[in-house]
Protein backbone atom coordinates (compact mmCIF):
# COMPACT_ATOMS: atom_id res chain seq x y z
CA MET A 1 31.15 17.49 2.00
CA ALA A 2 28.63 19.34 4.12
CA GLU A 3 29.56 19.98 7.76
CA LEU A 4 26.81 18.31 9.78
CA ASN A 5 26.99 15.69 12.52
CA TRP A 6 25.60 12.27 11.69
CA VAL A 7 22.53 12.55 13.94
CA ALA A 8 21.51 15.82 12.27
CA ALA A 9 22.25 14.31 8.85
CA VAL A 10 19.97 11.32 9.48
CA THR A 11 17.29 13.74 10.69
CA ARG A 12 17.68 15.82 7.54
CA LEU A 13 17.19 12.79 5.33
CA ARG A 14 14.12 11.82 7.36
CA ASP A 15 12.72 15.34 7.06
CA ARG A 16 13.27 15.31 3.30
CA ARG A 17 11.89 11.78 3.03
CA GLU A 18 15.01 10.69 1.14
CA PRO A 19 16.78 7.32 1.47
CA GLY A 20 20.32 7.01 2.75
CA VAL A 21 22.84 4.71 4.41
CA LEU A 22 24.57 5.04 7.78
CA VAL A 23 28.16 3.76 7.60
CA THR A 24 29.88 2.97 10.92
CA VAL A 25 33.44 1.84 11.62
CA ALA A 26 32.47 -1.33 13.49
CA ALA A 27 35.96 -2.64 14.34
CA VAL A 28 39.60 -1.68 13.83
CA ARG A 29 42.68 -3.89 14.12
CA GLY A 30 46.07 -2.21 13.95
CA HIS A 31 46.49 1.24 12.44
CA ALA A 32 43.54 2.85 10.62
CA PRO A 33 42.39 6.39 9.72
CA ARG A 34 39.55 6.45 12.26
CA ARG A 35 38.65 4.64 15.46
CA ALA A 36 35.71 2.29 15.86
CA GLY A 37 32.46 4.25 16.13
CA ALA A 38 33.25 6.86 13.46
CA LYS A 39 30.24 7.45 11.23
CA LEU A 40 29.42 8.61 7.73
CA VAL A 41 25.93 9.30 6.39
CA VAL A 42 25.50 8.80 2.65
CA GLY A 43 22.60 10.31 0.72
CA GLN A 44 21.78 10.14 -2.96
CA GLN A 45 23.85 13.27 -3.69
CA GLU A 46 25.51 14.29 -0.41
CA THR A 47 27.59 12.84 2.40
CA TRP A 48 27.99 13.94 6.00
CA GLY A 49 30.76 12.98 8.42
CA SER A 50 33.79 10.84 7.64
CA ILE A 51 35.21 7.38 8.29
CA GLY A 52 38.74 8.45 7.32
CA GLY A 53 38.67 9.38 3.66
CA GLY A 54 40.75 7.63 1.01
CA ASN A 55 39.91 4.31 -0.57
CA VAL A 56 37.91 3.02 2.41
CA GLU A 57 35.50 5.93 2.36
CA ALA A 58 35.23 6.08 -1.42
CA VAL A 59 34.39 2.37 -1.71
CA ALA A 60 31.93 2.66 1.18
CA VAL A 61 30.16 5.58 -0.51
CA ASP A 62 29.96 3.64 -3.78
CA ARG A 63 28.49 0.61 -2.02
CA ALA A 64 26.09 2.75 0.04
CA ARG A 65 24.67 4.27 -3.14
CA GLU A 66 24.28 0.81 -4.64
CA LEU A 67 22.25 -0.09 -1.55
CA ILE A 68 20.13 3.06 -1.94
CA ASP A 69 19.22 1.88 -5.45
CA ALA A 70 18.75 -1.77 -4.47
CA PRO A 71 15.20 -3.22 -4.34
CA ASP A 72 15.35 -4.50 -0.75
CA PRO A 73 18.57 -3.31 0.94
CA GLN A 74 19.72 -5.04 4.11
CA PRO A 75 22.50 -4.15 6.59
CA GLU A 76 25.87 -5.58 5.64
CA LEU A 77 29.52 -5.67 6.70
CA MET A 78 32.57 -4.75 4.61
CA ASP A 79 36.19 -5.60 5.47
CA PHE A 80 39.20 -3.60 4.32
CA ALA A 81 42.87 -4.56 4.52
CA LEU A 82 44.98 -1.38 4.63
CA ASN A 83 48.33 -2.35 3.12
CA ASP A 84 50.30 -1.77 -0.08
CA LYS A 85 49.57 -5.28 -1.35
CA VAL A 86 45.87 -4.50 -1.79
CA ILE A 87 45.03 -2.28 -4.75
CA ASN A 88 41.43 -1.10 -5.01
CA ARG A 89 39.36 0.91 -7.43
CA HIS A 90 40.17 4.14 -5.56
CA GLY A 91 43.86 3.49 -4.90
CA VAL A 92 45.95 2.13 -2.02
CA GLN A 93 45.89 2.84 1.73
CA CYS A 94 48.96 1.70 3.64
CA CYS A 95 47.97 2.33 7.26
CA GLY A 96 48.83 -1.28 8.07
CA GLY A 97 45.65 -2.35 9.85
CA THR A 98 42.21 -3.68 8.94
CA VAL A 99 38.81 -2.00 9.16
CA GLU A 100 35.33 -3.48 9.33
CA LEU A 101 32.41 -1.29 8.30
CA LEU A 102 28.71 -1.71 9.01
CA LEU A 103 26.37 -0.29 6.36
CA GLU A 104 22.78 0.27 7.54
CA PRO A 105 20.17 1.36 4.99
CA LEU A 106 17.94 4.27 5.98
CA PRO A 107 14.79 3.74 3.92
CA VAL A 108 12.02 6.27 3.47
CA VAL A 109 9.38 5.30 6.02
CA PRO A 110 5.68 5.01 5.14
CA ALA A 111 3.37 7.97 5.76
CA VAL A 112 -0.16 7.55 7.13
CA ALA A 113 -2.88 10.16 7.67
CA ILE A 114 -5.77 9.45 10.03
CA PHE A 115 -8.74 11.75 9.48
CA GLY A 116 -10.81 11.60 12.66
CA LEU A 117 -9.35 11.00 16.10
CA GLY A 118 -12.42 9.61 17.83
CA HIS A 119 -12.38 6.35 19.79
CA VAL A 120 -11.25 4.21 16.86
CA GLY A 121 -8.91 6.85 15.43
CA LEU A 122 -7.06 7.28 18.71
CA GLU A 123 -6.74 3.54 19.27
CA LEU A 124 -5.41 3.19 15.73
CA ALA A 125 -2.94 6.04 16.27
CA ARG A 126 -1.66 4.32 19.43
CA ILE A 127 -0.90 1.15 17.44
CA LEU A 128 0.61 2.82 14.39
CA ALA A 129 2.76 5.13 16.53
CA ARG A 130 4.74 2.04 17.60
CA HIS A 131 6.06 1.70 14.04
CA GLU A 132 8.67 3.65 12.08
CA LEU A 133 6.48 5.95 10.01
CA ASP A 134 5.25 9.51 9.60
CA LEU A 135 1.84 9.69 11.24
CA HIS A 136 -0.46 12.62 10.43
CA LEU A 137 -3.45 13.22 12.69
CA ILE A 138 -6.30 15.44 11.50
CA ASP A 139 -9.55 16.46 13.18
CA THR A 140 -11.85 19.48 13.09
CA ARG A 141 -12.62 19.10 16.82
CA PRO A 142 -9.89 20.79 18.91
CA ASP A 143 -10.55 18.59 21.96
CA MET A 144 -9.71 15.46 19.92
CA LEU A 145 -6.20 16.83 19.35
CA ASP A 146 -5.66 18.06 22.90
CA ALA A 147 -2.06 17.54 24.03
CA GLY A 148 -3.20 15.65 27.11
CA ARG A 149 -5.31 13.27 25.05
CA LEU A 150 -2.46 12.66 22.62
CA SER A 151 0.10 12.17 25.39
CA VAL A 152 -0.35 8.40 24.97
CA LEU A 153 1.61 8.79 21.73
CA CYS A 154 4.67 10.34 23.39
CA ASP A 155 8.05 8.59 23.08
CA ALA A 156 6.79 6.46 20.20
CA PRO A 157 9.03 5.64 17.20
CA ALA A 158 6.68 7.32 14.73
CA ARG A 159 6.93 11.00 13.95
CA ILE A 160 3.61 12.57 14.89
CA HIS A 161 2.28 15.49 12.82
CA VAL A 162 -0.85 17.12 14.25
CA HIS A 163 -3.02 19.15 11.86
CA GLU A 164 -5.62 21.35 13.53
CA VAL A 165 -8.30 22.51 11.08
CA ALA A 166 -11.49 24.29 12.05
CA LEU A 167 -13.22 23.44 8.77
CA LEU A 168 -12.54 21.60 5.52
CA PRO A 169 -10.09 18.87 6.59
CA GLU A 170 -9.61 18.00 2.91
CA GLN A 171 -7.32 21.04 2.67
CA VAL A 172 -4.71 19.02 4.58
CA LEU A 173 -4.43 16.61 1.65
CA ALA A 174 -2.19 19.06 -0.20
CA GLU A 175 0.23 19.12 2.75
CA LEU A 176 0.79 15.37 2.87
CA PRO A 177 3.88 13.74 1.34
CA PRO A 178 3.57 11.65 -1.83
CA GLY A 179 2.48 8.10 -1.21
CA THR A 180 0.63 8.82 2.02
CA HIS A 181 -1.95 6.20 3.01
CA LEU A 182 -5.28 7.84 3.92
CA LEU A 183 -7.60 6.47 6.59
CA ILE A 184 -10.92 8.36 6.65
CA MET A 185 -12.95 7.90 9.83
CA THR A 186 -14.28 11.28 10.92
CA HIS A 187 -17.33 11.87 13.12
CA ASP A 188 -19.24 13.45 10.21
CA HIS A 189 -20.35 11.60 7.09
CA ALA A 190 -20.30 14.89 5.20
CA GLU A 191 -16.61 15.31 6.06
CA ASP A 192 -15.95 11.73 5.01
CA ALA A 193 -17.67 12.31 1.66
CA ALA A 194 -15.76 15.55 1.02
CA LEU A 195 -12.47 13.82 1.83
CA CYS A 196 -13.23 10.95 -0.52
CA ASP A 197 -14.10 13.36 -3.31
CA ALA A 198 -10.98 15.50 -2.78
CA ALA A 199 -8.68 12.47 -2.53
CA LEU A 200 -9.96 11.16 -5.88
CA ARG A 201 -9.51 14.54 -7.55
CA GLY A 202 -5.82 14.88 -6.97
CA GLY A 203 -2.78 13.87 -5.01
CA ASP A 204 -0.32 11.00 -5.06
CA PHE A 205 -1.72 8.77 -2.33
CA GLY A 206 -0.65 5.26 -1.47
CA SER A 207 -4.15 4.06 -0.63
CA ILE A 208 -7.51 5.48 0.40
CA GLY A 209 -9.43 3.68 3.14
CA LEU A 210 -12.89 4.56 4.41
CA ILE A 211 -14.48 3.20 7.58
CA GLY A 212 -18.19 2.43 7.49
CA SER A 213 -20.97 0.07 6.58
CA SER A 214 -21.96 -1.24 3.16
CA ALA A 215 -25.02 1.02 3.23
CA LYS A 216 -22.87 4.09 3.84
CA TRP A 217 -20.56 3.14 0.99
CA ALA A 218 -23.48 2.55 -1.38
CA ARG A 219 -24.65 6.12 -0.78
CA PHE A 220 -21.13 7.51 -1.13
CA ARG A 221 -20.44 5.61 -4.34
CA ARG A 222 -23.64 6.91 -5.99
CA ARG A 223 -22.83 10.50 -5.00
CA LEU A 224 -19.20 10.27 -6.08
CA GLU A 225 -20.25 9.05 -9.51
CA SER A 226 -23.40 11.10 -10.08
CA GLU A 227 -22.54 14.37 -8.33
CA GLY A 228 -18.75 14.20 -8.22
CA GLY A 229 -18.31 13.03 -11.80
CA HIS A 230 -15.86 10.27 -10.86
CA THR A 231 -15.69 7.14 -12.97
CA PRO A 232 -16.40 3.75 -11.41
CA GLU A 233 -12.73 2.87 -11.93
CA SER A 234 -11.65 5.95 -9.99
CA VAL A 235 -14.14 5.34 -7.18
CA ALA A 236 -12.82 1.78 -6.89
CA ARG A 237 -9.56 3.23 -5.54
CA ILE A 238 -11.34 3.71 -2.21
CA ARG A 239 -11.17 0.63 -0.02
CA THR A 240 -14.12 0.01 2.24
CA PRO A 241 -14.69 -1.59 4.60
CA ILE A 242 -11.14 -1.40 5.95
CA GLY A 243 -9.49 -3.95 8.17
CA LEU A 244 -9.21 -7.72 8.03
CA PRO A 245 -12.59 -9.33 7.32
CA GLU A 246 -11.76 -12.23 9.65
CA ILE A 247 -11.77 -9.84 12.63
CA THR A 248 -15.41 -8.97 13.27
CA GLY A 249 -15.37 -7.34 16.71
CA LYS A 250 -16.96 -3.91 17.12
CA GLU A 251 -14.90 -2.58 20.05
CA PRO A 252 -12.72 0.43 19.08
CA ALA A 253 -9.49 -1.35 20.04
CA THR A 254 -10.48 -4.44 18.04
CA ILE A 255 -11.34 -2.39 14.96
CA ALA A 256 -8.04 -0.52 15.33
CA VAL A 257 -6.04 -3.75 15.47
CA SER A 258 -7.83 -5.01 12.36
CA VAL A 259 -7.23 -1.79 10.40
CA ALA A 260 -3.59 -1.59 11.50
CA ALA A 261 -2.92 -5.21 10.50
CA ASP A 262 -4.51 -4.59 7.10
CA LEU A 263 -2.35 -1.49 6.63
CA LEU A 264 0.84 -3.34 7.58
CA LEU A 265 -0.01 -5.94 4.94
CA THR A 266 -0.39 -3.08 2.46
CA PHE A 267 3.10 -1.85 3.38
CA GLU A 268 4.50 -5.33 2.74
CA ARG A 269 2.77 -5.58 -0.64
CA ASP A 270 4.02 -2.11 -1.60
CA ARG A 271 7.61 -3.02 -0.72
CA ALA A 272 7.42 -6.25 -2.70
CA ALA A 273 5.92 -4.46 -5.72
CA ALA A 274 8.57 -1.71 -5.57
CA ALA A 275 11.35 -4.30 -5.36
CA ALA A 276 9.93 -6.16 -8.36
CA ARG A 277 9.68 -2.94 -10.38
CA ARG A 278 13.24 -1.87 -9.62
CA THR A 279 14.63 -5.30 -10.42
CA SER A 280 12.79 -5.40 -13.75
CA GLU A 281 13.95 -1.88 -14.60
CA ASP A 282 17.60 -2.76 -13.90
CA PRO A 283 18.35 -6.49 -13.64
CA ARG A 284 21.99 -5.60 -13.01
CA ILE A 285 21.26 -4.29 -9.50
CA PRO A 286 24.23 -5.60 -7.50
CA LEU A 287 24.04 -8.36 -4.95
CA PRO A 288 25.22 -7.74 -1.37
CA HIS A 289 29.00 -7.33 -1.09
CA ALA A 290 30.82 -10.63 -0.71
CA GLY A 291 34.25 -12.08 -1.23
CA PRO A 292 37.71 -11.32 0.17
CA PRO A 293 38.54 -8.11 2.04
CA VAL A 294 39.10 -5.09 -0.19
């Protein structure tokens, strides 16, 4: 067991973009190995911290890893009776009390990259920063990424990653985590076109969205197929226009709300699709823990 406090362990999982479960001793009655508030972080291969060892911890780790593999894990409670009359899969604990554990899944959060922090890009960043995700901000104009300008994103739940590039913003694509959702809205149509071309050529991206008019997209599509050599099926991966079609306002904040809402719907569809895939791959995925105390 690695020696690392639970806060640092959760941070490590977040940095690695790996799922986990936070296990907390929620309540204790009578004698028990640890007091209420003790925590254990369970990853796919490692654990950090302790809730007392023995059967309680071993069963909790088993259940936490079931949750990690579950299609749509939700927080749950587990009760343990610590006496010699209760025999469990990992043995007997005879402390004499009872323990209630809270298991909280720590899913991998979505990643989003906004290319272009102009009026719309900044408004969009302000909205998305209020959500649990990794938010990457890229612009070739240093003043767009000025710390003072981005101060409106401080203290937000999202992790903000600022990428300053003097030229060729498409180079940042290689630095993004797998599954990142791309939103292309730079000040320069040439940059937009280069980003579209590079995104289609490689990388494991969740979605590719391009802001702009139908006329702009018509030009881009012709160039991507004729000059870039991309097939129509590949070019169709790019979504444009982005945002909800029912929202037609042109103000930057209105466009940002529309694009953010569309992206949140994409997150929901991705989660549902992932849950369906995992269930079909293993129909024996366990249901949430229920029944008498263990």
